[in-house]
Amino acid sequence: ASGDIDILTEQLSAFGSPHIFTEI
């Protein structure tokens, strides 16, 4: 998911522990 991290965490944390993608 792409969007505001705080909102995404609130909405989707029930599906697992998220990690933030950074281009390597």
mmCIF file of all heavy atoms, coordinates in Angstrom:
data_MODEL
# 
_entry.id   MODEL 
# 
loop_
_atom_site.group_PDB 
_atom_site.id 
_atom_site.type_symbol 
_atom_site.label_atom_id 
_atom_site.label_alt_id 
_atom_site.label_comp_id 
_atom_site.label_asym_id 
_atom_site.label_entity_id 
_atom_site.label_seq_id 
_atom_site.pdbx_PDB_ins_code 
_atom_site.Cartn_x 
_atom_site.Cartn_y 
_atom_site.Cartn_z 
_atom_site.occupancy 
_atom_site.B_iso_or_equiv 
_atom_site.pdbx_formal_charge 
_atom_site.auth_seq_id 
_atom_site.auth_comp_id 
_atom_site.auth_asym_id 
_atom_site.auth_atom_id 
_atom_site.pdbx_PDB_model_num 
ATOM 1   N N   . ALA A 1 1  ? 0.842  -1.198 0.000  1.00 0.00 ? 1  ALA A N   1 
ATOM 2   C CA  . ALA A 1 1  ? 0.000  0.000  0.000  1.00 0.00 ? 1  ALA A CA  1 
ATOM 3   C C   . ALA A 1 1  ? 0.874  1.243  0.000  1.00 0.00 ? 1  ALA A C   1 
ATOM 4   O O   . ALA A 1 1  ? 1.909  1.284  0.669  1.00 0.00 ? 1  ALA A O   1 
ATOM 5   C CB  . ALA A 1 1  ? -0.930 0.003  1.212  1.00 0.00 ? 1  ALA A CB  1 
ATOM 6   N N   . SER A 1 2  ? 0.462  2.247  -0.747 1.00 0.00 ? 2  SER A N   1 
ATOM 7   C CA  . SER A 1 2  ? 1.139  3.537  -0.750 1.00 0.00 ? 2  SER A CA  1 
ATOM 8   C C   . SER A 1 2  ? 0.170  4.598  -0.260 1.00 0.00 ? 2  SER A C   1 
ATOM 9   O O   . SER A 1 2  ? -0.974 4.677  -0.725 1.00 0.00 ? 2  SER A O   1 
ATOM 10  C CB  . SER A 1 2  ? 1.641  3.885  -2.158 1.00 0.00 ? 2  SER A CB  1 
ATOM 11  O OG  . SER A 1 2  ? 2.258  5.152  -2.162 1.00 0.00 ? 2  SER A OG  1 
ATOM 12  N N   . GLY A 1 3  ? 0.643  5.413  0.682  1.00 0.00 ? 3  GLY A N   1 
ATOM 13  C CA  . GLY A 1 3  ? -0.193 6.466  1.249  1.00 0.00 ? 3  GLY A CA  1 
ATOM 14  C C   . GLY A 1 3  ? 0.446  7.026  2.492  1.00 0.00 ? 3  GLY A C   1 
ATOM 15  O O   . GLY A 1 3  ? 1.653  6.900  2.713  1.00 0.00 ? 3  GLY A O   1 
ATOM 16  N N   . ASP A 1 4  ? -0.365 7.659  3.309  1.00 0.00 ? 4  ASP A N   1 
ATOM 17  C CA  . ASP A 1 4  ? 0.105  8.202  4.582  1.00 0.00 ? 4  ASP A CA  1 
ATOM 18  C C   . ASP A 1 4  ? 0.396  7.050  5.547  1.00 0.00 ? 4  ASP A C   1 
ATOM 19  O O   . ASP A 1 4  ? -0.480 6.233  5.815  1.00 0.00 ? 4  ASP A O   1 
ATOM 20  C CB  . ASP A 1 4  ? -0.965 9.138  5.155  1.00 0.00 ? 4  ASP A CB  1 
ATOM 21  C CG  . ASP A 1 4  ? -0.493 9.860  6.397  1.00 0.00 ? 4  ASP A CG  1 
ATOM 22  O OD1 . ASP A 1 4  ? -0.424 9.205  7.457  1.00 0.00 ? 4  ASP A OD1 1 
ATOM 23  O OD2 . ASP A 1 4  ? -0.181 11.061 6.311  1.00 0.00 ? 4  ASP A OD2 1 
ATOM 24  N N   . ILE A 1 5  ? 1.618  6.976  6.060  1.00 0.00 ? 5  ILE A N   1 
ATOM 25  C CA  . ILE A 1 5  ? 2.045  5.831  6.870  1.00 0.00 ? 5  ILE A CA  1 
ATOM 26  C C   . ILE A 1 5  ? 1.181  5.658  8.119  1.00 0.00 ? 5  ILE A C   1 
ATOM 27  O O   . ILE A 1 5  ? 0.809  4.532  8.480  1.00 0.00 ? 5  ILE A O   1 
ATOM 28  C CB  . ILE A 1 5  ? 3.531  5.966  7.271  1.00 0.00 ? 5  ILE A CB  1 
ATOM 29  C CG1 . ILE A 1 5  ? 4.422  5.912  6.034  1.00 0.00 ? 5  ILE A CG1 1 
ATOM 30  C CG2 . ILE A 1 5  ? 3.918  4.865  8.260  1.00 0.00 ? 5  ILE A CG2 1 
ATOM 31  C CD1 . ILE A 1 5  ? 4.371  4.612  5.275  1.00 0.00 ? 5  ILE A CD1 1 
ATOM 32  N N   . ASP A 1 6  ? 0.845  6.754  8.788  1.00 0.00 ? 6  ASP A N   1 
ATOM 33  C CA  . ASP A 1 6  ? 0.032  6.644  10.002 1.00 0.00 ? 6  ASP A CA  1 
ATOM 34  C C   . ASP A 1 6  ? -1.335 6.042  9.704  1.00 0.00 ? 6  ASP A C   1 
ATOM 35  O O   . ASP A 1 6  ? -1.830 5.183  10.446 1.00 0.00 ? 6  ASP A O   1 
ATOM 36  C CB  . ASP A 1 6  ? -0.140 8.022  10.655 1.00 0.00 ? 6  ASP A CB  1 
ATOM 37  C CG  . ASP A 1 6  ? 1.160  8.545  11.254 1.00 0.00 ? 6  ASP A CG  1 
ATOM 38  O OD1 . ASP A 1 6  ? 2.045  7.713  11.544 1.00 0.00 ? 6  ASP A OD1 1 
ATOM 39  O OD2 . ASP A 1 6  ? 1.286  9.773  11.416 1.00 0.00 ? 6  ASP A OD2 1 
ATOM 40  N N   . ILE A 1 7  ? -1.925 6.483  8.592  1.00 0.00 ? 7  ILE A N   1 
ATOM 41  C CA  . ILE A 1 7  ? -3.244 5.958  8.216  1.00 0.00 ? 7  ILE A CA  1 
ATOM 42  C C   . ILE A 1 7  ? -3.143 4.494  7.805  1.00 0.00 ? 7  ILE A C   1 
ATOM 43  O O   . ILE A 1 7  ? -3.968 3.660  8.197  1.00 0.00 ? 7  ILE A O   1 
ATOM 44  C CB  . ILE A 1 7  ? -3.857 6.807  7.084  1.00 0.00 ? 7  ILE A CB  1 
ATOM 45  C CG1 . ILE A 1 7  ? -4.132 8.220  7.579  1.00 0.00 ? 7  ILE A CG1 1 
ATOM 46  C CG2 . ILE A 1 7  ? -5.135 6.161  6.557  1.00 0.00 ? 7  ILE A CG2 1 
ATOM 47  C CD1 . ILE A 1 7  ? -4.614 9.180  6.515  1.00 0.00 ? 7  ILE A CD1 1 
ATOM 48  N N   . LEU A 1 8  ? -2.115 4.168  7.026  1.00 0.00 ? 8  LEU A N   1 
ATOM 49  C CA  . LEU A 1 8  ? -1.937 2.788  6.587  1.00 0.00 ? 8  LEU A CA  1 
ATOM 50  C C   . LEU A 1 8  ? -1.728 1.861  7.782  1.00 0.00 ? 8  LEU A C   1 
ATOM 51  O O   . LEU A 1 8  ? -2.262 0.750  7.821  1.00 0.00 ? 8  LEU A O   1 
ATOM 52  C CB  . LEU A 1 8  ? -0.746 2.676  5.628  1.00 0.00 ? 8  LEU A CB  1 
ATOM 53  C CG  . LEU A 1 8  ? -0.874 3.385  4.279  1.00 0.00 ? 8  LEU A CG  1 
ATOM 54  C CD1 . LEU A 1 8  ? 0.398  3.202  3.462  1.00 0.00 ? 8  LEU A CD1 1 
ATOM 55  C CD2 . LEU A 1 8  ? -2.085 2.871  3.508  1.00 0.00 ? 8  LEU A CD2 1 
ATOM 56  N N   . THR A 1 9  ? -0.952 2.310  8.759  1.00 0.00 ? 9  THR A N   1 
ATOM 57  C CA  . THR A 1 9  ? -0.697 1.502  9.949  1.00 0.00 ? 9  THR A CA  1 
ATOM 58  C C   . THR A 1 9  ? -1.990 1.250  10.716 1.00 0.00 ? 9  THR A C   1 
ATOM 59  O O   . THR A 1 9  ? -2.274 0.126  11.146 1.00 0.00 ? 9  THR A O   1 
ATOM 60  C CB  . THR A 1 9  ? 0.327  2.200  10.860 1.00 0.00 ? 9  THR A CB  1 
ATOM 61  O OG1 . THR A 1 9  ? 1.546  2.400  10.133 1.00 0.00 ? 9  THR A OG1 1 
ATOM 62  C CG2 . THR A 1 9  ? 0.603  1.359  12.093 1.00 0.00 ? 9  THR A CG2 1 
ATOM 63  N N   . GLU A 1 10 ? -2.782 2.298  10.848 1.00 0.00 ? 10 GLU A N   1 
ATOM 64  C CA  . GLU A 1 10 ? -4.056 2.167  11.554 1.00 0.00 ? 10 GLU A CA  1 
ATOM 65  C C   . GLU A 1 10 ? -5.000 1.215  10.818 1.00 0.00 ? 10 GLU A C   1 
ATOM 66  O O   . GLU A 1 10 ? -5.682 0.392  11.440 1.00 0.00 ? 10 GLU A O   1 
ATOM 67  C CB  . GLU A 1 10 ? -4.714 3.544  11.686 1.00 0.00 ? 10 GLU A CB  1 
ATOM 68  C CG  . GLU A 1 10 ? -6.092 3.518  12.328 1.00 0.00 ? 10 GLU A CG  1 
ATOM 69  C CD  . GLU A 1 10 ? -6.790 4.873  12.236 1.00 0.00 ? 10 GLU A CD  1 
ATOM 70  O OE1 . GLU A 1 10 ? -6.134 5.871  11.898 1.00 0.00 ? 10 GLU A OE1 1 
ATOM 71  O OE2 . GLU A 1 10 ? -8.004 4.908  12.496 1.00 0.00 ? 10 GLU A OE2 1 
ATOM 72  N N   . GLN A 1 11 ? -5.033 1.317  9.504  1.00 0.00 ? 11 GLN A N   1 
ATOM 73  C CA  . GLN A 1 11 ? -5.980 0.553  8.711  1.00 0.00 ? 11 GLN A CA  1 
ATOM 74  C C   . GLN A 1 11 ? -5.557 -0.906 8.481  1.00 0.00 ? 11 GLN A C   1 
ATOM 75  O O   . GLN A 1 11 ? -6.396 -1.800 8.411  1.00 0.00 ? 11 GLN A O   1 
ATOM 76  C CB  . GLN A 1 11 ? -6.181 1.234  7.344  1.00 0.00 ? 11 GLN A CB  1 
ATOM 77  C CG  . GLN A 1 11 ? -6.977 2.524  7.386  1.00 0.00 ? 11 GLN A CG  1 
ATOM 78  C CD  . GLN A 1 11 ? -8.463 2.279  7.495  1.00 0.00 ? 11 GLN A CD  1 
ATOM 79  O OE1 . GLN A 1 11 ? -9.007 1.382  6.857  1.00 0.00 ? 11 GLN A OE1 1 
ATOM 80  N NE2 . GLN A 1 11 ? -9.144 3.082  8.313  1.00 0.00 ? 11 GLN A NE2 1 
ATOM 81  N N   . LEU A 1 12 ? -4.237 -1.147 8.349  1.00 0.00 ? 12 LEU A N   1 
ATOM 82  C CA  . LEU A 1 12 ? -3.797 -2.447 7.840  1.00 0.00 ? 12 LEU A CA  1 
ATOM 83  C C   . LEU A 1 12 ? -2.951 -3.277 8.802  1.00 0.00 ? 12 LEU A C   1 
ATOM 84  O O   . LEU A 1 12 ? -2.562 -4.394 8.458  1.00 0.00 ? 12 LEU A O   1 
ATOM 85  C CB  . LEU A 1 12 ? -2.999 -2.245 6.538  1.00 0.00 ? 12 LEU A CB  1 
ATOM 86  C CG  . LEU A 1 12 ? -3.773 -1.625 5.373  1.00 0.00 ? 12 LEU A CG  1 
ATOM 87  C CD1 . LEU A 1 12 ? -2.855 -1.427 4.172  1.00 0.00 ? 12 LEU A CD1 1 
ATOM 88  C CD2 . LEU A 1 12 ? -4.970 -2.494 4.985  1.00 0.00 ? 12 LEU A CD2 1 
ATOM 89  N N   . SER A 1 13 ? -2.660 -2.784 9.977  1.00 0.00 ? 13 SER A N   1 
ATOM 90  C CA  . SER A 1 13 ? -1.797 -3.534 10.895 1.00 0.00 ? 13 SER A CA  1 
ATOM 91  C C   . SER A 1 13 ? -2.395 -4.878 11.295 1.00 0.00 ? 13 SER A C   1 
ATOM 92  O O   . SER A 1 13 ? -1.664 -5.779 11.732 1.00 0.00 ? 13 SER A O   1 
ATOM 93  C CB  . SER A 1 13 ? -1.499 -2.696 12.147 1.00 0.00 ? 13 SER A CB  1 
ATOM 94  O OG  . SER A 1 13 ? -2.698 -2.318 12.795 1.00 0.00 ? 13 SER A OG  1 
ATOM 95  N N   . ALA A 1 14 ? -3.690 -5.048 11.114 1.00 0.00 ? 14 ALA A N   1 
ATOM 96  C CA  . ALA A 1 14 ? -4.320 -6.329 11.432 1.00 0.00 ? 14 ALA A CA  1 
ATOM 97  C C   . ALA A 1 14 ? -3.838 -7.449 10.505 1.00 0.00 ? 14 ALA A C   1 
ATOM 98  O O   . ALA A 1 14 ? -3.979 -8.630 10.824 1.00 0.00 ? 14 ALA A O   1 
ATOM 99  C CB  . ALA A 1 14 ? -5.843 -6.206 11.329 1.00 0.00 ? 14 ALA A CB  1 
ATOM 100 N N   . PHE A 1 15 ? -3.247 -7.075 9.357  1.00 0.00 ? 15 PHE A N   1 
ATOM 101 C CA  . PHE A 1 15 ? -2.797 -8.073 8.393  1.00 0.00 ? 15 PHE A CA  1 
ATOM 102 C C   . PHE A 1 15 ? -1.325 -8.453 8.572  1.00 0.00 ? 15 PHE A C   1 
ATOM 103 O O   . PHE A 1 15 ? -0.778 -9.221 7.783  1.00 0.00 ? 15 PHE A O   1 
ATOM 104 C CB  . PHE A 1 15 ? -3.029 -7.563 6.968  1.00 0.00 ? 15 PHE A CB  1 
ATOM 105 C CG  . PHE A 1 15 ? -4.473 -7.275 6.664  1.00 0.00 ? 15 PHE A CG  1 
ATOM 106 C CD1 . PHE A 1 15 ? -4.962 -5.976 6.699  1.00 0.00 ? 15 PHE A CD1 1 
ATOM 107 C CD2 . PHE A 1 15 ? -5.353 -8.308 6.381  1.00 0.00 ? 15 PHE A CD2 1 
ATOM 108 C CE1 . PHE A 1 15 ? -6.294 -5.702 6.439  1.00 0.00 ? 15 PHE A CE1 1 
ATOM 109 C CE2 . PHE A 1 15 ? -6.690 -8.054 6.121  1.00 0.00 ? 15 PHE A CE2 1 
ATOM 110 C CZ  . PHE A 1 15 ? -7.162 -6.748 6.148  1.00 0.00 ? 15 PHE A CZ  1 
ATOM 111 N N   . GLY A 1 16 ? -0.661 -7.895 9.566  1.00 0.00 ? 16 GLY A N   1 
ATOM 112 C CA  . GLY A 1 16 ? 0.728  -8.252 9.825  1.00 0.00 ? 16 GLY A CA  1 
ATOM 113 C C   . GLY A 1 16 ? 1.539  -7.060 10.260 1.00 0.00 ? 16 GLY A C   1 
ATOM 114 O O   . GLY A 1 16 ? 1.040  -5.931 10.353 1.00 0.00 ? 16 GLY A O   1 
ATOM 115 N N   . SER A 1 17 ? 2.806  -7.312 10.536 1.00 0.00 ? 17 SER A N   1 
ATOM 116 C CA  . SER A 1 17 ? 3.722  -6.230 10.913 1.00 0.00 ? 17 SER A CA  1 
ATOM 117 C C   . SER A 1 17 ? 4.289  -5.620 9.634  1.00 0.00 ? 17 SER A C   1 
ATOM 118 O O   . SER A 1 17 ? 5.009  -6.300 8.890  1.00 0.00 ? 17 SER A O   1 
ATOM 119 C CB  . SER A 1 17 ? 4.858  -6.781 11.781 1.00 0.00 ? 17 SER A CB  1 
ATOM 120 O OG  . SER A 1 17 ? 4.348  -7.340 12.973 1.00 0.00 ? 17 SER A OG  1 
ATOM 121 N N   . PRO A 1 18 ? 4.004  -4.355 9.374  1.00 0.00 ? 18 PRO A N   1 
ATOM 122 C CA  . PRO A 1 18 ? 4.434  -3.766 8.099  1.00 0.00 ? 18 PRO A CA  1 
ATOM 123 C C   . PRO A 1 18 ? 5.911  -3.383 8.111  1.00 0.00 ? 18 PRO A C   1 
ATOM 124 O O   . PRO A 1 18 ? 6.498  -3.115 9.165  1.00 0.00 ? 18 PRO A O   1 
ATOM 125 C CB  . PRO A 1 18 ? 3.574  -2.507 8.001  1.00 0.00 ? 18 PRO A CB  1 
ATOM 126 C CG  . PRO A 1 18 ? 3.297  -2.126 9.418  1.00 0.00 ? 18 PRO A CG  1 
ATOM 127 C CD  . PRO A 1 18 ? 3.212  -3.403 10.195 1.00 0.00 ? 18 PRO A CD  1 
ATOM 128 N N   . HIS A 1 19 ? 6.522  -3.404 6.937  1.00 0.00 ? 19 HIS A N   1 
ATOM 129 C CA  . HIS A 1 19 ? 7.827  -2.775 6.802  1.00 0.00 ? 19 HIS A CA  1 
ATOM 130 C C   . HIS A 1 19 ? 7.723  -1.715 5.709  1.00 0.00 ? 19 HIS A C   1 
ATOM 131 O O   . HIS A 1 19 ? 6.901  -1.808 4.804  1.00 0.00 ? 19 HIS A O   1 
ATOM 132 C CB  . HIS A 1 19 ? 8.925  -3.815 6.510  1.00 0.00 ? 19 HIS A CB  1 
ATOM 133 C CG  . HIS A 1 19 ? 8.940  -4.333 5.111  1.00 0.00 ? 19 HIS A CG  1 
ATOM 134 N ND1 . HIS A 1 19 ? 8.268  -5.473 4.731  1.00 0.00 ? 19 HIS A ND1 1 
ATOM 135 C CD2 . HIS A 1 19 ? 9.580  -3.874 3.992  1.00 0.00 ? 19 HIS A CD2 1 
ATOM 136 C CE1 . HIS A 1 19 ? 8.482  -5.718 3.451  1.00 0.00 ? 19 HIS A CE1 1 
ATOM 137 N NE2 . HIS A 1 19 ? 9.265  -4.758 2.971  1.00 0.00 ? 19 HIS A NE2 1 
ATOM 138 N N   . ILE A 1 20 ? 8.551  -0.680 5.852  1.00 0.00 ? 20 ILE A N   1 
ATOM 139 C CA  . ILE A 1 20 ? 8.519  0.450  4.928  1.00 0.00 ? 20 ILE A CA  1 
ATOM 140 C C   . ILE A 1 20 ? 9.519  0.168  3.799  1.00 0.00 ? 20 ILE A C   1 
ATOM 141 O O   . ILE A 1 20 ? 10.690 -0.076 4.051  1.00 0.00 ? 20 ILE A O   1 
ATOM 142 C CB  . ILE A 1 20 ? 8.880  1.767  5.636  1.00 0.00 ? 20 ILE A CB  1 
ATOM 143 C CG1 . ILE A 1 20 ? 8.031  1.936  6.899  1.00 0.00 ? 20 ILE A CG1 1 
ATOM 144 C CG2 . ILE A 1 20 ? 8.674  2.947  4.687  1.00 0.00 ? 20 ILE A CG2 1 
ATOM 145 C CD1 . ILE A 1 20 ? 6.543  1.938  6.677  1.00 0.00 ? 20 ILE A CD1 1 
ATOM 146 N N   . PHE A 1 21 ? 9.020  0.211  2.583  1.00 0.00 ? 21 PHE A N   1 
ATOM 147 C CA  . PHE A 1 21 ? 9.880  -0.079 1.440  1.00 0.00 ? 21 PHE A CA  1 
ATOM 148 C C   . PHE A 1 21 ? 10.752 1.130  1.107  1.00 0.00 ? 21 PHE A C   1 
ATOM 149 O O   . PHE A 1 21 ? 10.254 2.251  1.026  1.00 0.00 ? 21 PHE A O   1 
ATOM 150 C CB  . PHE A 1 21 ? 9.042  -0.432 0.210  1.00 0.00 ? 21 PHE A CB  1 
ATOM 151 C CG  . PHE A 1 21 ? 9.858  -0.693 -1.025 1.00 0.00 ? 21 PHE A CG  1 
ATOM 152 C CD1 . PHE A 1 21 ? 10.486 -1.915 -1.205 1.00 0.00 ? 21 PHE A CD1 1 
ATOM 153 C CD2 . PHE A 1 21 ? 10.009 0.294  -1.996 1.00 0.00 ? 21 PHE A CD2 1 
ATOM 154 C CE1 . PHE A 1 21 ? 11.248 -2.161 -2.337 1.00 0.00 ? 21 PHE A CE1 1 
ATOM 155 C CE2 . PHE A 1 21 ? 10.776 0.059  -3.129 1.00 0.00 ? 21 PHE A CE2 1 
ATOM 156 C CZ  . PHE A 1 21 ? 11.396 -1.175 -3.300 1.00 0.00 ? 21 PHE A CZ  1 
ATOM 157 N N   . THR A 1 22 ? 12.017 0.887  0.906  1.00 0.00 ? 22 THR A N   1 
ATOM 158 C CA  . THR A 1 22 ? 12.937 1.908  0.425  1.00 0.00 ? 22 THR A CA  1 
ATOM 159 C C   . THR A 1 22 ? 13.718 1.339  -0.747 1.00 0.00 ? 22 THR A C   1 
ATOM 160 O O   . THR A 1 22 ? 14.179 0.186  -0.694 1.00 0.00 ? 22 THR A O   1 
ATOM 161 C CB  . THR A 1 22 ? 13.917 2.367  1.523  1.00 0.00 ? 22 THR A CB  1 
ATOM 162 O OG1 . THR A 1 22 ? 14.568 1.221  2.084  1.00 0.00 ? 22 THR A OG1 1 
ATOM 163 C CG2 . THR A 1 22 ? 13.187 3.118  2.617  1.00 0.00 ? 22 THR A CG2 1 
ATOM 164 N N   . GLU A 1 23 ? 13.863 2.132  -1.781 1.00 0.00 ? 23 GLU A N   1 
ATOM 165 C CA  . GLU A 1 23 ? 14.592 1.697  -2.976 1.00 0.00 ? 23 GLU A CA  1 
ATOM 166 C C   . GLU A 1 23 ? 16.056 1.540  -2.645 1.00 0.00 ? 23 GLU A C   1 
ATOM 167 O O   . GLU A 1 23 ? 16.684 2.450  -2.083 1.00 0.00 ? 23 GLU A O   1 
ATOM 168 C CB  . GLU A 1 23 ? 14.410 2.719  -4.099 1.00 0.00 ? 23 GLU A CB  1 
ATOM 169 C CG  . GLU A 1 23 ? 14.759 2.197  -5.479 1.00 0.00 ? 23 GLU A CG  1 
ATOM 170 C CD  . GLU A 1 23 ? 13.686 1.262  -6.037 1.00 0.00 ? 23 GLU A CD  1 
ATOM 171 O OE1 . GLU A 1 23 ? 12.605 1.729  -6.408 1.00 0.00 ? 23 GLU A OE1 1 
ATOM 172 O OE2 . GLU A 1 23 ? 13.974 0.050  -6.074 1.00 0.00 ? 23 GLU A OE2 1 
ATOM 173 N N   . ILE A 1 24 ? 16.630 0.394  -2.980 1.00 0.00 ? 24 ILE A N   1 
ATOM 174 C CA  . ILE A 1 24 ? 18.029 0.128  -2.670 1.00 0.00 ? 24 ILE A CA  1 
ATOM 175 C C   . ILE A 1 24 ? 18.873 0.388  -3.905 1.00 0.00 ? 24 ILE A C   1 
ATOM 176 O O   . ILE A 1 24 ? 18.588 -0.121 -4.989 1.00 0.00 ? 24 ILE A O   1 
ATOM 177 C CB  . ILE A 1 24 ? 18.220 -1.326 -2.197 1.00 0.00 ? 24 ILE A CB  1 
ATOM 178 C CG1 . ILE A 1 24 ? 17.402 -1.577 -0.924 1.00 0.00 ? 24 ILE A CG1 1 
ATOM 179 C CG2 . ILE A 1 24 ? 19.689 -1.645 -1.973 1.00 0.00 ? 24 ILE A CG2 1 
ATOM 180 C CD1 . ILE A 1 24 ? 17.434 -2.999 -0.432 1.00 0.00 ? 24 ILE A CD1 1 
# 
